[in-house]
Amino acid sequence: MTDEMLLTRKGYDKIVTEHEELITVRRKEVAERIKEAISYGDISENSEYDSAKNEQAELEERINKLENMMRIAKIIDEEDIPDDRVGIGLKVKVKEVGTEEILEFTIVGSTEADPFQGKISNASLVGAALLGKKVDEIAEVQVPDGVVSYQIMDIFR
């Protein structure tokens, strides 16, 4: 992984909440499943035990991943970001040049990206092209079908 992971405060808080849930609730649930499976007797051919142990391994892997994310997180304070240029934590309204299609994106760090919610990563093709642009500037994005141009209409929080 990289030395630094950019996250908004909301994204960081979401990771912390998930981590706490996994540690305080899910670990106990999985431990109970393992304990119950052991009570069935011979664990060498016990599918409930195998399933619970696999779940435990996946859970611990996710906990470690979240801990690493929290350790290397750099929290972007949206209030400190000037909104005269597109930046992480800001929303941007764009018009696709050549059409009348208007789109709205929130630029976030890669772990927070959710295109279906309009949250695009700063590392994505579109996100990277929009970063640093001002209102009325054109961002050109190289896509498999050619180049798509977006005119920046508005930048806001």
Protein backbone atom coordinates (compact mmCIF):
# COMPACT_ATOMS: atom_id res chain seq x y z
CA MET A 1 0.00 0.00 0.00
CA THR A 2 0.96 3.62 -0.29
CA ASP A 3 2.40 5.68 2.54
CA GLU A 4 -0.71 7.85 2.70
CA MET A 5 -4.40 7.36 2.03
CA LEU A 6 -6.55 10.42 1.45
CA LEU A 7 -9.91 10.36 3.24
CA THR A 8 -12.58 12.85 4.08
CA ARG A 9 -13.59 13.07 7.75
CA LYS A 10 -16.82 11.23 6.92
CA GLY A 11 -14.90 8.44 5.16
CA TYR A 12 -12.47 8.08 8.06
CA ASP A 13 -15.31 7.97 10.59
CA LYS A 14 -17.00 5.25 8.53
CA ILE A 15 -13.83 3.13 8.69
CA VAL A 16 -13.52 3.64 12.45
CA THR A 17 -17.17 2.68 12.97
CA GLU A 18 -16.80 -0.48 10.90
CA HIS A 19 -13.61 -1.39 12.78
CA GLU A 20 -15.31 -0.96 16.16
CA GLU A 21 -18.29 -3.06 15.00
CA LEU A 22 -16.01 -5.88 13.83
CA ILE A 23 -13.97 -5.87 17.04
CA THR A 24 -16.81 -5.55 19.56
CA VAL A 25 -19.64 -7.48 17.89
CA ARG A 26 -18.53 -9.67 15.01
CA ARG A 27 -15.49 -11.18 16.79
CA LYS A 28 -17.74 -12.37 19.63
CA GLU A 29 -20.31 -13.79 17.19
CA VAL A 30 -17.68 -15.74 15.28
CA ALA A 31 -16.06 -16.99 18.51
CA GLU A 32 -19.48 -18.27 19.63
CA ARG A 33 -19.96 -20.06 16.30
CA ILE A 34 -16.57 -21.73 16.69
CA LYS A 35 -17.34 -22.71 20.27
CA GLU A 36 -20.70 -24.16 19.22
CA ALA A 37 -19.15 -26.06 16.31
CA ILE A 38 -16.51 -27.56 18.62
CA SER A 39 -19.28 -28.78 20.90
CA TYR A 40 -20.54 -31.01 18.07
CA GLY A 41 -17.51 -33.24 18.53
CA ASP A 42 -14.89 -34.31 15.99
CA ILE A 43 -13.69 -31.12 14.24
CA SER A 44 -11.81 -32.96 11.51
CA GLU A 45 -15.00 -33.46 9.49
CA ASN A 46 -17.09 -30.65 10.95
CA SER A 47 -18.33 -28.28 8.21
CA GLU A 48 -19.74 -25.80 10.76
CA TYR A 49 -16.30 -25.55 12.36
CA ASP A 50 -14.57 -25.11 8.99
CA SER A 51 -17.07 -22.43 7.99
CA ALA A 52 -16.67 -20.55 11.27
CA LYS A 53 -12.84 -20.71 11.07
CA ASN A 54 -12.95 -19.37 7.49
CA GLU A 55 -15.24 -16.57 8.62
CA GLN A 56 -12.85 -15.79 11.46
CA ALA A 57 -9.90 -15.59 9.05
CA GLU A 58 -11.82 -13.22 6.74
CA LEU A 59 -12.89 -11.11 9.70
CA GLU A 60 -9.32 -10.77 11.00
CA GLU A 61 -8.09 -9.90 7.52
CA ARG A 62 -10.70 -7.12 7.27
CA ILE A 63 -9.82 -5.82 10.75
CA ASN A 64 -6.12 -5.69 9.80
CA LYS A 65 -6.95 -3.89 6.56
CA LEU A 66 -9.04 -1.29 8.40
CA GLU A 67 -6.31 -0.78 11.01
CA ASN A 68 -3.77 -0.21 8.25
CA MET A 69 -6.13 2.26 6.55
CA MET A 70 -6.56 4.19 9.82
CA ARG A 71 -2.80 4.20 10.38
CA ILE A 72 -1.93 5.69 6.98
CA ALA A 73 -5.01 7.90 6.60
CA LYS A 74 -4.56 11.56 5.88
CA ILE A 75 -7.82 13.27 6.68
CA ILE A 76 -8.79 16.02 4.31
CA ASP A 77 -10.67 18.74 6.18
CA GLU A 78 -13.22 19.98 3.68
CA GLU A 79 -13.43 23.35 5.43
CA ASP A 80 -9.73 23.99 4.79
CA ILE A 81 -10.03 23.30 1.07
CA PRO A 82 -10.56 26.41 -1.02
CA ASP A 83 -13.58 25.92 -3.27
CA ASP A 84 -12.28 27.96 -6.20
CA ARG A 85 -10.68 24.81 -7.68
CA VAL A 86 -11.86 21.20 -7.81
CA GLY A 87 -10.37 19.26 -4.90
CA ILE A 88 -10.92 16.24 -2.69
CA GLY A 89 -13.99 16.62 -0.52
CA LEU A 90 -15.67 19.07 -2.90
CA LYS A 91 -18.60 18.62 -5.23
CA VAL A 92 -18.39 19.64 -8.84
CA LYS A 93 -21.09 20.15 -11.43
CA VAL A 94 -19.97 19.60 -15.01
CA LYS A 95 -21.49 19.70 -18.47
CA GLU A 96 -20.30 17.24 -21.06
CA VAL A 97 -19.08 19.33 -24.00
CA GLY A 98 -21.03 18.57 -27.15
CA THR A 99 -24.10 17.45 -25.23
CA GLU A 100 -26.37 19.06 -22.71
CA GLU A 101 -25.74 16.32 -20.13
CA ILE A 102 -25.03 17.76 -16.70
CA LEU A 103 -23.36 15.57 -14.08
CA GLU A 104 -22.49 16.14 -10.46
CA PHE A 105 -19.60 14.42 -8.71
CA THR A 106 -18.08 14.47 -5.25
CA ILE A 107 -14.32 13.98 -5.40
CA VAL A 108 -13.15 11.58 -2.68
CA GLY A 109 -10.18 9.37 -1.85
CA SER A 110 -10.05 5.98 -3.56
CA THR A 111 -11.40 4.01 -0.59
CA GLU A 112 -14.53 6.18 -0.43
CA ALA A 113 -15.36 6.02 -4.12
CA ASP A 114 -18.91 4.95 -4.96
CA PRO A 115 -19.78 5.90 -8.54
CA PHE A 116 -23.44 4.92 -8.03
CA GLN A 117 -23.64 7.62 -5.34
CA GLY A 118 -21.77 10.17 -7.48
CA LYS A 119 -18.56 9.81 -5.43
CA ILE A 120 -15.56 9.43 -7.70
CA SER A 121 -11.97 8.82 -6.73
CA ASN A 122 -9.30 11.45 -7.13
CA ALA A 123 -7.28 8.68 -8.79
CA SER A 124 -9.96 7.79 -11.38
CA LEU A 125 -9.62 9.08 -14.93
CA VAL A 126 -12.44 11.61 -14.50
CA GLY A 127 -11.46 12.59 -10.95
CA ALA A 128 -7.81 13.15 -11.87
CA ALA A 129 -8.80 15.23 -14.91
CA LEU A 130 -11.11 17.43 -12.83
CA LEU A 131 -8.66 18.08 -9.96
CA GLY A 132 -7.34 21.61 -9.88
CA LYS A 133 -9.73 22.97 -12.50
CA LYS A 134 -11.67 26.21 -11.99
CA VAL A 135 -15.20 27.13 -13.02
CA ASP A 136 -15.53 27.41 -16.84
CA GLU A 137 -12.34 25.43 -17.46
CA ILE A 138 -12.47 22.28 -19.58
CA ALA A 139 -11.26 18.91 -18.30
CA GLU A 140 -10.40 16.36 -20.97
CA VAL A 141 -10.64 12.69 -20.07
CA GLN A 142 -9.05 9.99 -22.20
CA VAL A 143 -11.51 7.07 -22.34
CA PRO A 144 -11.42 3.90 -24.44
CA ASP A 145 -13.73 5.49 -27.04
CA GLY A 146 -11.69 8.69 -27.36
CA VAL A 147 -11.73 11.91 -25.37
CA VAL A 148 -14.62 13.22 -23.28
CA SER A 149 -14.55 16.89 -22.34
CA TYR A 150 -16.28 18.33 -19.29
CA GLN A 151 -16.82 22.02 -18.66
CA ILE A 152 -16.74 22.92 -14.97
CA MET A 153 -20.02 24.69 -14.15
CA ASP A 154 -19.85 24.93 -10.36
CA ILE A 155 -17.67 23.88 -7.42
CA PHE A 156 -19.23 23.67 -3.96
CA ARG A 157 -19.23 21.86 -0.60
